[in-house]
Amino acid sequence: MTLTTRLLAASVLASALVALPVLAKDKEKETADNIVTVYVSAHGASTMAKKVNESHAKMEAQGWRFADMELHVENSDTEGAFITYVK
């Protein structure tokens, strides 16, 4: 193994060890009461990016924070996105 590979492996391991307690703590707090998933359609007059930004602003104003986004694709066309927020 080269020195660069060893340094990269050590960096990844250190990052994982630091992040694990934080990730585990976040998972403990997630319940049905503090997770919500909304659907943003890609259809309509405005762009999907604008709709996603509007959704983020609306949810943030209500105390939610962004957690994940999955695109909804059918027949190689983007139909929309499922966006998950947590409190």
C-alpha atoms as a PDB file:
ATOM      1  CA  MET A   1       0.000   0.000   0.000  1.00  0.00           C
ATOM      2  CA  THR A   2       1.363   3.418  -0.921  1.00  0.00           C
ATOM      3  CA  LEU A   3       1.712   6.253   1.549  1.00  0.00           C
ATOM      4  CA  THR A   4      -1.085   8.157  -0.183  1.00  0.00           C
ATOM      5  CA  THR A   5      -3.432   5.187   0.096  1.00  0.00           C
ATOM      6  CA  ARG A   6      -2.604   4.760   3.774  1.00  0.00           C
ATOM      7  CA  LEU A   7      -3.203   8.443   4.490  1.00  0.00           C
ATOM      8  CA  LEU A   8      -6.507   8.347   2.638  1.00  0.00           C
ATOM      9  CA  ALA A   9      -7.616   5.211   4.506  1.00  0.00           C
ATOM     10  CA  ALA A  10      -6.644   6.762   7.849  1.00  0.00           C
ATOM     11  CA  SER A  11      -8.539   9.946   7.005  1.00  0.00           C
ATOM     12  CA  VAL A  12     -11.691   8.026   6.061  1.00  0.00           C
ATOM     13  CA  LEU A  13     -11.495   5.926   9.226  1.00  0.00           C
ATOM     14  CA  ALA A  14     -10.999   8.993  11.428  1.00  0.00           C
ATOM     15  CA  SER A  15     -13.957  10.746   9.801  1.00  0.00           C
ATOM     16  CA  ALA A  16     -16.170   7.698  10.310  1.00  0.00           C
ATOM     17  CA  LEU A  17     -15.196   7.386  13.972  1.00  0.00           C
ATOM     18  CA  VAL A  18     -15.988  11.043  14.600  1.00  0.00           C
ATOM     19  CA  ALA A  19     -19.326  10.905  12.736  1.00  0.00           C
ATOM     20  CA  LEU A  20     -20.703   7.651  14.174  1.00  0.00           C
ATOM     21  CA  PRO A  21     -21.795   8.984  17.592  1.00  0.00           C
ATOM     22  CA  VAL A  22     -23.494  11.971  15.953  1.00  0.00           C
ATOM     23  CA  LEU A  23     -25.280   9.772  13.418  1.00  0.00           C
ATOM     24  CA  ALA A  24     -26.403   7.324  16.102  1.00  0.00           C
ATOM     25  CA  LYS A  25     -27.691  10.168  18.283  1.00  0.00           C
ATOM     26  CA  ASP A  26     -29.693  11.622  15.365  1.00  0.00           C
ATOM     27  CA  LYS A  27     -31.247   8.225  14.618  1.00  0.00           C
ATOM     28  CA  GLU A  28     -32.463   7.853  18.218  1.00  0.00           C
ATOM     29  CA  LYS A  29     -34.399  11.109  17.988  1.00  0.00           C
ATOM     30  CA  GLU A  30     -36.226  10.260  14.758  1.00  0.00           C
ATOM     31  CA  THR A  31     -39.824   9.173  15.291  1.00  0.00           C
ATOM     32  CA  ALA A  32     -43.012   9.414  13.263  1.00  0.00           C
ATOM     33  CA  ASP A  33     -43.765  12.682  15.046  1.00  0.00           C
ATOM     34  CA  ASN A  34     -40.604  14.454  13.940  1.00  0.00           C
ATOM     35  CA  ILE A  35     -40.082  13.186  10.379  1.00  0.00           C
ATOM     36  CA  VAL A  36     -42.078  14.321   7.374  1.00  0.00           C
ATOM     37  CA  THR A  37     -41.670  13.586   3.672  1.00  0.00           C
ATOM     38  CA  VAL A  38     -43.180  15.872   1.055  1.00  0.00           C
ATOM     39  CA  TYR A  39     -43.465  15.431  -2.699  1.00  0.00           C
ATOM     40  CA  VAL A  40     -42.434  18.209  -5.057  1.00  0.00           C
ATOM     41  CA  SER A  41     -43.694  17.778  -8.614  1.00  0.00           C
ATOM     42  CA  ALA A  42     -41.410  18.600 -11.532  1.00  0.00           C
ATOM     43  CA  HIS A  43     -44.431  19.564 -13.640  1.00  0.00           C
ATOM     44  CA  GLY A  44     -45.870  23.038 -13.883  1.00  0.00           C
ATOM     45  CA  ALA A  45     -44.883  26.526 -14.858  1.00  0.00           C
ATOM     46  CA  SER A  46     -41.920  26.961 -12.498  1.00  0.00           C
ATOM     47  CA  THR A  47     -38.742  24.943 -12.379  1.00  0.00           C
ATOM     48  CA  MET A  48     -38.231  22.048 -10.007  1.00  0.00           C
ATOM     49  CA  ALA A  49     -35.267  23.800  -8.371  1.00  0.00           C
ATOM     50  CA  LYS A  50     -37.472  26.785  -7.547  1.00  0.00           C
ATOM     51  CA  LYS A  51     -40.139  24.492  -6.067  1.00  0.00           C
ATOM     52  CA  VAL A  52     -37.542  22.651  -3.962  1.00  0.00           C
ATOM     53  CA  ASN A  53     -36.151  25.969  -2.664  1.00  0.00           C
ATOM     54  CA  GLU A  54     -39.678  27.140  -1.813  1.00  0.00           C
ATOM     55  CA  SER A  55     -40.334  23.871   0.019  1.00  0.00           C
ATOM     56  CA  HIS A  56     -37.088  24.246   2.003  1.00  0.00           C
ATOM     57  CA  ALA A  57     -37.968  27.833   2.979  1.00  0.00           C
ATOM     58  CA  LYS A  58     -41.519  26.892   4.013  1.00  0.00           C
ATOM     59  CA  MET A  59     -40.418  23.891   6.070  1.00  0.00           C
ATOM     60  CA  GLU A  60     -37.529  25.780   7.682  1.00  0.00           C
ATOM     61  CA  ALA A  61     -39.950  28.521   8.775  1.00  0.00           C
ATOM     62  CA  GLN A  62     -41.971  25.793  10.538  1.00  0.00           C
ATOM     63  CA  GLY A  63     -38.898  24.455  12.378  1.00  0.00           C
ATOM     64  CA  TRP A  64     -38.036  21.550  10.063  1.00  0.00           C
ATOM     65  CA  ARG A  65     -34.567  20.888   8.673  1.00  0.00           C
ATOM     66  CA  PHE A  66     -33.642  19.099   5.462  1.00  0.00           C
ATOM     67  CA  ALA A  67     -32.632  15.433   5.839  1.00  0.00           C
ATOM     68  CA  ASP A  68     -32.794  13.734   2.415  1.00  0.00           C
ATOM     69  CA  MET A  69     -34.067  14.022  -1.144  1.00  0.00           C
ATOM     70  CA  GLU A  70     -34.818  11.233  -3.610  1.00  0.00           C
ATOM     71  CA  LEU A  71     -35.715  11.936  -7.218  1.00  0.00           C
ATOM     72  CA  HIS A  72     -38.806  10.309  -8.711  1.00  0.00           C
ATOM     73  CA  VAL A  73     -37.871   9.207 -12.236  1.00  0.00           C
ATOM     74  CA  GLU A  74     -40.081   7.348 -14.701  1.00  0.00           C
ATOM     75  CA  ASN A  75     -39.016   6.379 -18.235  1.00  0.00           C
ATOM     76  CA  SER A  76     -35.875   8.522 -17.870  1.00  0.00           C
ATOM     77  CA  ASP A  77     -37.985  11.617 -17.086  1.00  0.00           C
ATOM     78  CA  THR A  78     -37.771  13.389 -13.745  1.00  0.00           C
ATOM     79  CA  GLU A  79     -41.304  13.490 -12.369  1.00  0.00           C
ATOM     80  CA  GLY A  80     -40.528  15.108  -9.033  1.00  0.00           C
ATOM     81  CA  ALA A  81     -38.741  14.585  -5.743  1.00  0.00           C
ATOM     82  CA  PHE A  82     -39.500  13.158  -2.323  1.00  0.00           C
ATOM     83  CA  ILE A  83     -37.957  15.466   0.287  1.00  0.00           C
ATOM     84  CA  THR A  84     -37.611  14.384   3.907  1.00  0.00           C
ATOM     85  CA  TYR A  85     -37.379  16.867   6.771  1.00  0.00           C
ATOM     86  CA  VAL A  86     -36.762  16.276  10.488  1.00  0.00           C
ATOM     87  CA  LYS A  87     -37.350  18.307  13.656  1.00  0.00           C
END
